[in-house]
């Protein structure tokens, strides 16, 4: 009876694991980009609403514009913080897979 060869350290297995990890990283990056598309749609809506308020120039417009700008600022800062973490994880993943050396 032949002993089964330990393949846990074979280059093919390691490459397959790296490919699987890279696919998971790519899928995660795709989800983050899709979330960014949603944020940009929100920003577009905010900018439209701000323009409309500015054009109408009602007595209450300045307060509404400030509130809308505050919402836009919150969304931008929040997404920038999220993307900072995403980039750090992606960079670490790529470096771990032999990307940058």
PDB file of N, CA and C in Angstrom:
ATOM      1  N   UNK A   1       0.837  -1.174   0.000  1.00  0.00           N
ATOM      2  CA  UNK A   1       0.000   0.000   0.000  1.00  0.00           C
ATOM      3  C   UNK A   1       0.882   1.237   0.000  1.00  0.00           C
ATOM      4  N   UNK A   2       0.600   2.142  -0.914  1.00  0.00           N
ATOM      5  CA  UNK A   2       1.386   3.362  -1.037  1.00  0.00           C
ATOM      6  C   UNK A   2       0.857   4.426  -0.094  1.00  0.00           C
ATOM      7  N   UNK A   3       1.792   5.150   0.499  1.00  0.00           N
ATOM      8  CA  UNK A   3       1.390   6.264   1.361  1.00  0.00           C
ATOM      9  C   UNK A   3       0.956   7.435   0.506  1.00  0.00           C
ATOM     10  N   UNK A   4      -0.048   8.081   0.949  1.00  0.00           N
ATOM     11  CA  UNK A   4      -0.535   9.265   0.257  1.00  0.00           C
ATOM     12  C   UNK A   4       0.461  10.401   0.498  1.00  0.00           C
ATOM     13  N   UNK A   5       0.833  11.072  -0.578  1.00  0.00           N
ATOM     14  CA  UNK A   5       1.802  12.161  -0.476  1.00  0.00           C
ATOM     15  C   UNK A   5       1.148  13.399   0.132  1.00  0.00           C
ATOM     16  N   UNK A   6       1.872  14.025   1.050  1.00  0.00           N
ATOM     17  CA  UNK A   6       1.394  15.264   1.657  1.00  0.00           C
ATOM     18  C   UNK A   6       1.539  16.374   0.623  1.00  0.00           C
ATOM     19  N   UNK A   7       0.409  16.913   0.196  1.00  0.00           N
ATOM     20  CA  UNK A   7       0.439  17.954  -0.833  1.00  0.00           C
ATOM     21  C   UNK A   7       0.209  19.346  -0.263  1.00  0.00           C
ATOM     22  N   UNK A   8       0.200  19.459   1.060  1.00  0.00           N
ATOM     23  CA  UNK A   8      -0.116  20.750   1.666  1.00  0.00           C
ATOM     24  C   UNK A   8       0.926  21.814   1.366  1.00  0.00           C
ATOM     25  N   UNK A   9       2.112  21.410   0.990  1.00  0.00           N
ATOM     26  CA  UNK A   9       3.135  22.418   0.721  1.00  0.00           C
ATOM     27  C   UNK A   9       3.525  22.463  -0.756  1.00  0.00           C
ATOM     28  N   UNK A  10       2.763  21.834  -1.603  1.00  0.00           N
ATOM     29  CA  UNK A  10       3.114  21.854  -3.017  1.00  0.00           C
ATOM     30  C   UNK A  10       2.858  23.232  -3.599  1.00  0.00           C
ATOM     31  N   UNK A  11       3.653  23.619  -4.574  1.00  0.00           N
ATOM     32  CA  UNK A  11       3.463  24.936  -5.199  1.00  0.00           C
ATOM     33  C   UNK A  11       2.065  25.088  -5.815  1.00  0.00           C
ATOM     34  N   UNK A  12       1.502  24.008  -6.350  1.00  0.00           N
ATOM     35  CA  UNK A  12       0.177  24.100  -6.966  1.00  0.00           C
ATOM     36  C   UNK A  12      -0.891  24.434  -5.922  1.00  0.00           C
ATOM     37  N   UNK A  13      -0.793  23.801  -4.763  1.00  0.00           N
ATOM     38  CA  UNK A  13      -1.770  24.058  -3.714  1.00  0.00           C
ATOM     39  C   UNK A  13      -1.635  25.486  -3.207  1.00  0.00           C
ATOM     40  N   UNK A  14      -0.401  25.927  -3.033  1.00  0.00           N
ATOM     41  CA  UNK A  14      -0.174  27.287  -2.569  1.00  0.00           C
ATOM     42  C   UNK A  14      -0.718  28.289  -3.584  1.00  0.00           C
ATOM     43  N   UNK A  15      -0.489  28.047  -4.869  1.00  0.00           N
ATOM     44  CA  UNK A  15      -0.996  28.932  -5.911  1.00  0.00           C
ATOM     45  C   UNK A  15      -2.523  28.946  -5.912  1.00  0.00           C
ATOM     46  N   UNK A  16      -3.143  27.785  -5.709  1.00  0.00           N
ATOM     47  CA  UNK A  16      -4.605  27.706  -5.671  1.00  0.00           C
ATOM     48  C   UNK A  16      -5.155  28.494  -4.489  1.00  0.00           C
ATOM     49  N   UNK A  17      -4.491  28.395  -3.347  1.00  0.00           N
ATOM     50  CA  UNK A  17      -4.922  29.151  -2.173  1.00  0.00           C
ATOM     51  C   UNK A  17      -4.777  30.651  -2.410  1.00  0.00           C
ATOM     52  N   UNK A  18      -3.670  31.044  -3.033  1.00  0.00           N
ATOM     53  CA  UNK A  18      -3.456  32.457  -3.330  1.00  0.00           C
ATOM     54  C   UNK A  18      -4.502  32.973  -4.314  1.00  0.00           C
ATOM     55  N   UNK A  19      -4.831  32.162  -5.309  1.00  0.00           N
ATOM     56  CA  UNK A  19      -5.846  32.553  -6.280  1.00  0.00           C
ATOM     57  C   UNK A  19      -7.200  32.712  -5.601  1.00  0.00           C
ATOM     58  N   UNK A  20      -7.518  31.795  -4.715  1.00  0.00           N
ATOM     59  CA  UNK A  20      -8.781  31.878  -3.978  1.00  0.00           C
ATOM     60  C   UNK A  20      -8.828  33.143  -3.126  1.00  0.00           C
ATOM     61  N   UNK A  21      -7.730  33.449  -2.448  1.00  0.00           N
ATOM     62  CA  UNK A  21      -7.653  34.656  -1.631  1.00  0.00           C
ATOM     63  C   UNK A  21      -7.775  35.909  -2.493  1.00  0.00           C
ATOM     64  N   UNK A  22      -7.129  35.889  -3.651  1.00  0.00           N
ATOM     65  CA  UNK A  22      -7.185  37.034  -4.560  1.00  0.00           C
ATOM     66  C   UNK A  22      -8.598  37.244  -5.092  1.00  0.00           C
ATOM     67  N   UNK A  23      -9.302  36.146  -5.398  1.00  0.00           N
ATOM     68  CA  UNK A  23     -10.689  36.257  -5.853  1.00  0.00           C
ATOM     69  C   UNK A  23     -11.565  36.855  -4.758  1.00  0.00           C
ATOM     70  N   UNK A  24     -11.355  36.428  -3.524  1.00  0.00           N
ATOM     71  CA  UNK A  24     -12.132  36.969  -2.399  1.00  0.00           C
ATOM     72  C   UNK A  24     -11.847  38.456  -2.222  1.00  0.00           C
ATOM     73  N   UNK A  25     -10.582  38.832  -2.361  1.00  0.00           N
ATOM     74  CA  UNK A  25     -10.203  40.237  -2.253  1.00  0.00           C
ATOM     75  C   UNK A  25     -10.847  41.043  -3.368  1.00  0.00           C
ATOM     76  N   UNK A  26     -10.822  40.495  -4.576  1.00  0.00           N
ATOM     77  CA  UNK A  26     -11.442  41.172  -5.714  1.00  0.00           C
ATOM     78  C   UNK A  26     -12.943  41.338  -5.522  1.00  0.00           C
ATOM     79  N   UNK A  27     -13.602  40.316  -5.003  1.00  0.00           N
ATOM     80  CA  UNK A  27     -15.052  40.399  -4.759  1.00  0.00           C
ATOM     81  C   UNK A  27     -15.353  41.469  -3.727  1.00  0.00           C
ATOM     82  N   UNK A  28     -14.548  41.517  -2.687  1.00  0.00           N
ATOM     83  CA  UNK A  28     -14.732  42.528  -1.652  1.00  0.00           C
ATOM     84  C   UNK A  28     -14.547  43.933  -2.230  1.00  0.00           C
ATOM     85  N   UNK A  29     -13.528  44.098  -3.070  1.00  0.00           N
ATOM     86  CA  UNK A  29     -13.288  45.402  -3.704  1.00  0.00           C
ATOM     87  C   UNK A  29     -14.464  45.786  -4.605  1.00  0.00           C
ATOM     88  N   UNK A  30     -15.025  44.820  -5.320  1.00  0.00           N
ATOM     89  CA  UNK A  30     -16.177  45.087  -6.174  1.00  0.00           C
ATOM     90  C   UNK A  30     -17.366  45.567  -5.345  1.00  0.00           C
ATOM     91  N   UNK A  31     -17.621  44.920  -4.211  1.00  0.00           N
ATOM     92  CA  UNK A  31     -18.727  45.349  -3.347  1.00  0.00           C
ATOM     93  C   UNK A  31     -18.517  46.774  -2.854  1.00  0.00           C
ATOM     94  N   UNK A  32     -17.272  47.106  -2.523  1.00  0.00           N
ATOM     95  CA  UNK A  32     -16.984  48.463  -2.061  1.00  0.00           C
ATOM     96  C   UNK A  32     -17.200  49.480  -3.185  1.00  0.00           C
ATOM     97  N   UNK A  33     -16.809  49.140  -4.398  1.00  0.00           N
ATOM     98  CA  UNK A  33     -17.030  50.044  -5.531  1.00  0.00           C
ATOM     99  C   UNK A  33     -18.525  50.219  -5.804  1.00  0.00           C
ATOM    100  N   UNK A  34     -19.288  49.155  -5.666  1.00  0.00           N
ATOM    101  CA  UNK A  34     -20.735  49.260  -5.846  1.00  0.00           C
ATOM    102  C   UNK A  34     -21.349  50.159  -4.782  1.00  0.00           C
ATOM    103  N   UNK A  35     -20.856  50.078  -3.565  1.00  0.00           N
ATOM    104  CA  UNK A  35     -21.328  50.965  -2.498  1.00  0.00           C
ATOM    105  C   UNK A  35     -20.976  52.408  -2.830  1.00  0.00           C
ATOM    106  N   UNK A  36     -19.792  52.626  -3.406  1.00  0.00           N
ATOM    107  CA  UNK A  36     -19.392  53.976  -3.803  1.00  0.00           C
ATOM    108  C   UNK A  36     -20.335  54.541  -4.861  1.00  0.00           C
ATOM    109  N   UNK A  37     -20.787  53.703  -5.787  1.00  0.00           N
ATOM    110  CA  UNK A  37     -21.741  54.169  -6.798  1.00  0.00           C
ATOM    111  C   UNK A  37     -22.996  54.708  -6.116  1.00  0.00           C
ATOM    112  N   UNK A  38     -23.463  54.020  -5.103  1.00  0.00           N
ATOM    113  CA  UNK A  38     -24.624  54.485  -4.351  1.00  0.00           C
ATOM    114  C   UNK A  38     -24.375  55.820  -3.675  1.00  0.00           C
ATOM    115  N   UNK A  39     -23.193  55.971  -3.100  1.00  0.00           N
ATOM    116  CA  UNK A  39     -22.861  57.247  -2.454  1.00  0.00           C
ATOM    117  C   UNK A  39     -22.830  58.379  -3.469  1.00  0.00           C
ATOM    118  N   UNK A  40     -22.293  58.134  -4.650  1.00  0.00           N
ATOM    119  CA  UNK A  40     -22.246  59.187  -5.662  1.00  0.00           C
ATOM    120  C   UNK A  40     -23.648  59.551  -6.151  1.00  0.00           C
ATOM    121  N   UNK A  41     -24.560  58.593  -6.180  1.00  0.00           N
ATOM    122  CA  UNK A  41     -25.954  58.909  -6.516  1.00  0.00           C
ATOM    123  C   UNK A  41     -26.542  59.824  -5.449  1.00  0.00           C
ATOM    124  N   UNK A  42     -26.238  59.548  -4.176  1.00  0.00           N
ATOM    125  CA  UNK A  42     -26.706  60.407  -3.092  1.00  0.00           C
ATOM    126  C   UNK A  42     -26.133  61.815  -3.238  1.00  0.00           C
ATOM    127  N   UNK A  43     -24.836  61.897  -3.542  1.00  0.00           N
ATOM    128  CA  UNK A  43     -24.210  63.209  -3.713  1.00  0.00           C
ATOM    129  C   UNK A  43     -24.854  63.972  -4.858  1.00  0.00           C
ATOM    130  N   UNK A  44     -25.158  63.279  -5.934  1.00  0.00           N
ATOM    131  CA  UNK A  44     -25.824  63.928  -7.063  1.00  0.00           C
ATOM    132  C   UNK A  44     -27.173  64.493  -6.651  1.00  0.00           C
ATOM    133  N   UNK A  45     -27.921  63.729  -5.889  1.00  0.00           N
ATOM    134  CA  UNK A  45     -29.223  64.193  -5.404  1.00  0.00           C
ATOM    135  C   UNK A  45     -29.069  65.384  -4.462  1.00  0.00           C
ATOM    136  N   UNK A  46     -28.074  65.327  -3.599  1.00  0.00           N
ATOM    137  CA  UNK A  46     -27.826  66.443  -2.683  1.00  0.00           C
ATOM    138  C   UNK A  46     -27.468  67.713  -3.444  1.00  0.00           C
ATOM    139  N   UNK A  47     -26.594  67.582  -4.420  1.00  0.00           N
ATOM    140  CA  UNK A  47     -26.175  68.760  -5.185  1.00  0.00           C
ATOM    141  C   UNK A  47     -27.358  69.355  -5.951  1.00  0.00           C
ATOM    142  N   UNK A  48     -28.224  68.481  -6.491  1.00  0.00           N
ATOM    143  CA  UNK A  48     -29.413  68.962  -7.185  1.00  0.00           C
ATOM    144  C   UNK A  48     -30.311  69.737  -6.217  1.00  0.00           C
ATOM    145  N   UNK A  49     -30.511  69.176  -5.024  1.00  0.00           N
ATOM    146  CA  UNK A  49     -31.365  69.834  -4.036  1.00  0.00           C
ATOM    147  C   UNK A  49     -30.770  71.168  -3.589  1.00  0.00           C
ATOM    148  N   UNK A  50     -29.460  71.210  -3.418  1.00  0.00           N
ATOM    149  CA  UNK A  50     -28.801  72.467  -3.032  1.00  0.00           C
ATOM    150  C   UNK A  50     -28.963  73.505  -4.139  1.00  0.00           C
ATOM    151  N   UNK A  51     -28.763  73.096  -5.397  1.00  0.00           N
ATOM    152  CA  UNK A  51     -28.931  74.029  -6.522  1.00  0.00           C
ATOM    153  C   UNK A  51     -30.361  74.568  -6.573  1.00  0.00           C
ATOM    154  N   UNK A  52     -31.330  73.674  -6.396  1.00  0.00           N
ATOM    155  CA  UNK A  52     -32.731  74.087  -6.437  1.00  0.00           C
ATOM    156  C   UNK A  52     -33.025  75.100  -5.339  1.00  0.00           C
ATOM    157  N   UNK A  53     -32.537  74.823  -4.133  1.00  0.00           N
ATOM    158  CA  UNK A  53     -32.752  75.762  -3.022  1.00  0.00           C
ATOM    159  C   UNK A  53     -32.097  77.104  -3.306  1.00  0.00           C
ATOM    160  N   UNK A  54     -30.893  77.078  -3.860  1.00  0.00           N
ATOM    161  CA  UNK A  54     -30.181  78.332  -4.154  1.00  0.00           C
ATOM    162  C   UNK A  54     -30.909  79.129  -5.230  1.00  0.00           C
ATOM    163  N   UNK A  55     -31.446  78.454  -6.243  1.00  0.00           N
ATOM    164  CA  UNK A  55     -32.162  79.137  -7.324  1.00  0.00           C
ATOM    165  C   UNK A  55     -33.466  79.747  -6.833  1.00  0.00           C
ATOM    166  N   UNK A  56     -34.159  79.042  -5.944  1.00  0.00           N
ATOM    167  CA  UNK A  56     -35.438  79.549  -5.445  1.00  0.00           C
ATOM    168  C   UNK A  56     -35.238  80.706  -4.464  1.00  0.00           C
ATOM    169  N   UNK A  57     -34.149  80.705  -3.763  1.00  0.00           N
ATOM    170  CA  UNK A  57     -33.759  81.787  -2.847  1.00  0.00           C
ATOM    171  C   UNK A  57     -34.910  82.265  -1.958  1.00  0.00           C
ATOM    172  N   UNK A  58     -35.567  81.317  -1.313  1.00  0.00           N
ATOM    173  CA  UNK A  58     -36.602  81.675  -0.339  1.00  0.00           C
ATOM    174  C   UNK A  58     -35.926  82.108   0.952  1.00  0.00           C
ATOM    175  N   UNK A  59     -36.663  82.733   1.840  1.00  0.00           N
ATOM    176  CA  UNK A  59     -36.066  83.162   3.111  1.00  0.00           C
ATOM    177  C   UNK A  59     -35.458  82.009   3.919  1.00  0.00           C
ATOM    178  N   UNK A  60     -36.001  80.818   3.765  1.00  0.00           N
ATOM    179  CA  UNK A  60     -35.489  79.673   4.529  1.00  0.00           C
ATOM    180  C   UNK A  60     -34.429  78.876   3.761  1.00  0.00           C
ATOM    181  N   UNK A  61     -34.122  79.284   2.540  1.00  0.00           N
ATOM    182  CA  UNK A  61     -33.205  78.513   1.695  1.00  0.00           C
ATOM    183  C   UNK A  61     -31.814  78.349   2.307  1.00  0.00           C
ATOM    184  N   UNK A  62     -31.304  79.382   2.924  1.00  0.00           N
ATOM    185  CA  UNK A  62     -29.941  79.297   3.464  1.00  0.00           C
ATOM    186  C   UNK A  62     -29.846  78.211   4.537  1.00  0.00           C
ATOM    187  N   UNK A  63     -30.848  78.105   5.370  1.00  0.00           N
ATOM    188  CA  UNK A  63     -30.855  77.055   6.396  1.00  0.00           C
ATOM    189  C   UNK A  63     -30.931  75.668   5.781  1.00  0.00           C
ATOM    190  N   UNK A  64     -31.769  75.524   4.758  1.00  0.00           N
ATOM    191  CA  UNK A  64     -31.894  74.232   4.073  1.00  0.00           C
ATOM    192  C   UNK A  64     -30.581  73.880   3.377  1.00  0.00           C
ATOM    193  N   UNK A  65     -29.973  74.862   2.719  1.00  0.00           N
ATOM    194  CA  UNK A  65     -28.690  74.630   2.038  1.00  0.00           C
ATOM    195  C   UNK A  65     -27.629  74.191   3.040  1.00  0.00           C
ATOM    196  N   UNK A  66     -27.571  74.841   4.179  1.00  0.00           N
ATOM    197  CA  UNK A  66     -26.596  74.464   5.209  1.00  0.00           C
ATOM    198  C   UNK A  66     -26.841  73.038   5.696  1.00  0.00           C
ATOM    199  N   UNK A  67     -28.110  72.673   5.905  1.00  0.00           N
ATOM    200  CA  UNK A  67     -28.436  71.317   6.355  1.00  0.00           C
ATOM    201  C   UNK A  67     -28.035  70.280   5.308  1.00  0.00           C
ATOM    202  N   UNK A  68     -28.347  70.564   4.048  1.00  0.00           N
ATOM    203  CA  UNK A  68     -27.992  69.632   2.974  1.00  0.00           C
ATOM    204  C   UNK A  68     -26.473  69.501   2.827  1.00  0.00           C
ATOM    205  N   UNK A  69     -25.772  70.619   2.944  1.00  0.00           N
ATOM    206  CA  UNK A  69     -24.309  70.587   2.866  1.00  0.00           C
ATOM    207  C   UNK A  69     -23.726  69.793   4.036  1.00  0.00           C
ATOM    208  N   UNK A  70     -24.339  69.906   5.197  1.00  0.00           N
ATOM    209  CA  UNK A  70     -23.892  69.146   6.366  1.00  0.00           C
ATOM    210  C   UNK A  70     -24.067  67.638   6.130  1.00  0.00           C
ATOM    211  N   UNK A  71     -25.193  67.265   5.532  1.00  0.00           N
ATOM    212  CA  UNK A  71     -25.419  65.855   5.193  1.00  0.00           C
ATOM    213  C   UNK A  71     -24.360  65.377   4.203  1.00  0.00           C
ATOM    214  N   UNK A  72     -24.091  66.176   3.183  1.00  0.00           N
ATOM    215  CA  UNK A  72     -23.067  65.816   2.196  1.00  0.00           C
ATOM    216  C   UNK A  72     -21.697  65.668   2.830  1.00  0.00           C
ATOM    217  N   UNK A  73     -21.370  66.571   3.751  1.00  0.00           N
ATOM    218  CA  UNK A  73     -20.089  66.489   4.438  1.00  0.00           C
ATOM    219  C   UNK A  73     -19.994  65.208   5.255  1.00  0.00           C
ATOM    220  N   UNK A  74     -21.070  64.866   5.962  1.00  0.00           N
ATOM    221  CA  UNK A  74     -21.085  63.638   6.754  1.00  0.00           C
ATOM    222  C   UNK A  74     -20.868  62.414   5.858  1.00  0.00           C
ATOM    223  N   UNK A  75     -21.604  62.349   4.749  1.00  0.00           N
ATOM    224  CA  UNK A  75     -21.468  61.210   3.835  1.00  0.00           C
ATOM    225  C   UNK A  75     -20.046  61.109   3.274  1.00  0.00           C
ATOM    226  N   UNK A  76     -19.468  62.249   2.913  1.00  0.00           N
ATOM    227  CA  UNK A  76     -18.116  62.242   2.344  1.00  0.00           C
ATOM    228  C   UNK A  76     -17.081  61.772   3.370  1.00  0.00           C
ATOM    229  N   UNK A  77     -17.147  62.307   4.571  1.00  0.00           N
ATOM    230  CA  UNK A  77     -16.186  61.932   5.617  1.00  0.00           C
ATOM    231  C   UNK A  77     -16.354  60.463   5.999  1.00  0.00           C
ATOM    232  N   UNK A  78     -17.609  60.025   6.141  1.00  0.00           N
ATOM    233  CA  UNK A  78     -17.880  58.638   6.502  1.00  0.00           C
ATOM    234  C   UNK A  78     -17.334  57.687   5.437  1.00  0.00           C
ATOM    235  N   UNK A  79     -17.620  57.973   4.179  1.00  0.00           N
ATOM    236  CA  UNK A  79     -17.161  57.069   3.118  1.00  0.00           C
ATOM    237  C   UNK A  79     -15.641  57.119   2.981  1.00  0.00           C
ATOM    238  N   UNK A  80     -15.039  58.268   3.170  1.00  0.00           N
ATOM    239  CA  UNK A  80     -13.576  58.364   3.107  1.00  0.00           C
ATOM    240  C   UNK A  80     -12.942  57.505   4.196  1.00  0.00           C
ATOM    241  N   UNK A  81     -13.512  57.517   5.390  1.00  0.00           N
ATOM    242  CA  UNK A  81     -12.989  56.678   6.475  1.00  0.00           C
ATOM    243  C   UNK A  81     -13.144  55.196   6.143  1.00  0.00           C
ATOM    244  N   UNK A  82     -14.291  54.829   5.599  1.00  0.00           N
ATOM    245  CA  UNK A  82     -14.512  53.440   5.212  1.00  0.00           C
ATOM    246  C   UNK A  82     -13.513  53.028   4.131  1.00  0.00           C
ATOM    247  N   UNK A  83     -13.337  53.873   3.118  1.00  0.00           N
ATOM    248  CA  UNK A  83     -12.414  53.545   2.028  1.00  0.00           C
ATOM    249  C   UNK A  83     -10.969  53.472   2.495  1.00  0.00           C
ATOM    250  N   UNK A  84     -10.618  54.252   3.489  1.00  0.00           N
ATOM    251  CA  UNK A  84      -9.264  54.177   4.044  1.00  0.00           C
ATOM    252  C   UNK A  84      -9.011  52.776   4.593  1.00  0.00           C
ATOM    253  N   UNK A  85      -9.970  52.239   5.327  1.00  0.00           N
ATOM    254  CA  UNK A  85      -9.846  50.878   5.854  1.00  0.00           C
ATOM    255  C   UNK A  85      -9.845  49.835   4.753  1.00  0.00           C
ATOM    256  N   UNK A  86     -10.689  50.032   3.748  1.00  0.00           N
ATOM    257  CA  UNK A  86     -10.748  49.097   2.610  1.00  0.00           C
ATOM    258  C   UNK A  86      -9.408  49.067   1.888  1.00  0.00           C
ATOM    259  N   UNK A  87      -8.845  50.236   1.637  1.00  0.00           N
ATOM    260  CA  UNK A  87      -7.549  50.310   0.945  1.00  0.00           C
ATOM    261  C   UNK A  87      -6.453  49.646   1.764  1.00  0.00           C
ATOM    262  N   UNK A  88      -6.466  49.867   3.062  1.00  0.00           N
ATOM    263  CA  UNK A  88      -5.452  49.248   3.923  1.00  0.00           C
ATOM    264  C   UNK A  88      -5.556  47.723   3.883  1.00  0.00           C
ATOM    265  N   UNK A  89      -6.795  47.191   3.948  1.00  0.00           N
ATOM    266  CA  UNK A  89      -6.977  45.735   3.880  1.00  0.00           C
ATOM    267  C   UNK A  89      -6.570  45.184   2.527  1.00  0.00           C
ATOM    268  N   UNK A  90      -6.932  45.888   1.454  1.00  0.00           N
ATOM    269  CA  UNK A  90      -6.582  45.440   0.110  1.00  0.00           C
ATOM    270  C   UNK A  90      -5.068  45.453  -0.075  1.00  0.00           C
ATOM    271  N   UNK A  91      -4.437  46.511   0.381  1.00  0.00           N
ATOM    272  CA  UNK A  91      -2.983  46.605   0.285  1.00  0.00           C
ATOM    273  C   UNK A  91      -2.309  45.476   1.061  1.00  0.00           C
ATOM    274  N   UNK A  92      -2.777  45.223   2.269  1.00  0.00           N
ATOM    275  CA  UNK A  92      -2.204  44.151   3.090  1.00  0.00           C
ATOM    276  C   UNK A  92      -2.416  42.793   2.421  1.00  0.00           C
ATOM    277  N   UNK A  93      -3.586  42.606   1.834  1.00  0.00           N
ATOM    278  CA  UNK A  93      -3.888  41.348   1.159  1.00  0.00           C
ATOM    279  C   UNK A  93      -2.975  41.140  -0.053  1.00  0.00           C
ATOM    280  N   UNK A  94      -2.807  42.218  -0.828  1.00  0.00           N
ATOM    281  CA  UNK A  94      -1.947  42.102  -2.010  1.00  0.00           C
ATOM    282  C   UNK A  94      -0.483  41.897  -1.628  1.00  0.00           C
ATOM    283  N   UNK A  95      -0.045  42.563  -0.573  1.00  0.00           N
ATOM    284  CA  UNK A  95       1.326  42.365  -0.115  1.00  0.00           C
ATOM    285  C   UNK A  95       1.501  40.947   0.412  1.00  0.00           C
ATOM    286  N   UNK A  96       0.478  40.426   1.066  1.00  0.00           N
ATOM    287  CA  UNK A  96       0.519  39.064   1.589  1.00  0.00           C
ATOM    288  C   UNK A  96       0.549  38.022   0.485  1.00  0.00           C
ATOM    289  N   UNK A  97       0.049  38.382  -0.691  1.00  0.00           N
ATOM    290  CA  UNK A  97       0.025  37.448  -1.816  1.00  0.00           C
ATOM    291  C   UNK A  97       1.236  37.633  -2.706  1.00  0.00           C
ATOM    292  N   UNK A  98       2.206  38.414  -2.259  1.00  0.00           N
ATOM    293  CA  UNK A  98       3.425  38.588  -3.051  1.00  0.00           C
ATOM    294  C   UNK A  98       3.314  39.729  -4.055  1.00  0.00           C
ATOM    295  N   UNK A  99       2.367  40.618  -3.829  1.00  0.00           N
ATOM    296  CA  UNK A  99       2.166  41.736  -4.764  1.00  0.00           C
ATOM    297  C   UNK A  99       3.314  42.701  -4.750  1.00  0.00           C
ATOM    298  N   UNK A 100       3.432  43.469  -3.679  1.00  0.00           N
ATOM    299  CA  UNK A 100       4.470  44.467  -3.580  1.00  0.00           C
ATOM    300  C   UNK A 100       5.603  43.905  -2.720  1.00  0.00           C
ATOM    301  N   UNK A 101       6.803  43.914  -3.231  1.00  0.00           N
ATOM    302  CA  UNK A 101       7.915  43.371  -2.462  1.00  0.00           C
ATOM    303  C   UNK A 101       9.130  44.255  -2.562  1.00  0.00           C
TER     304      UNK A 101
END
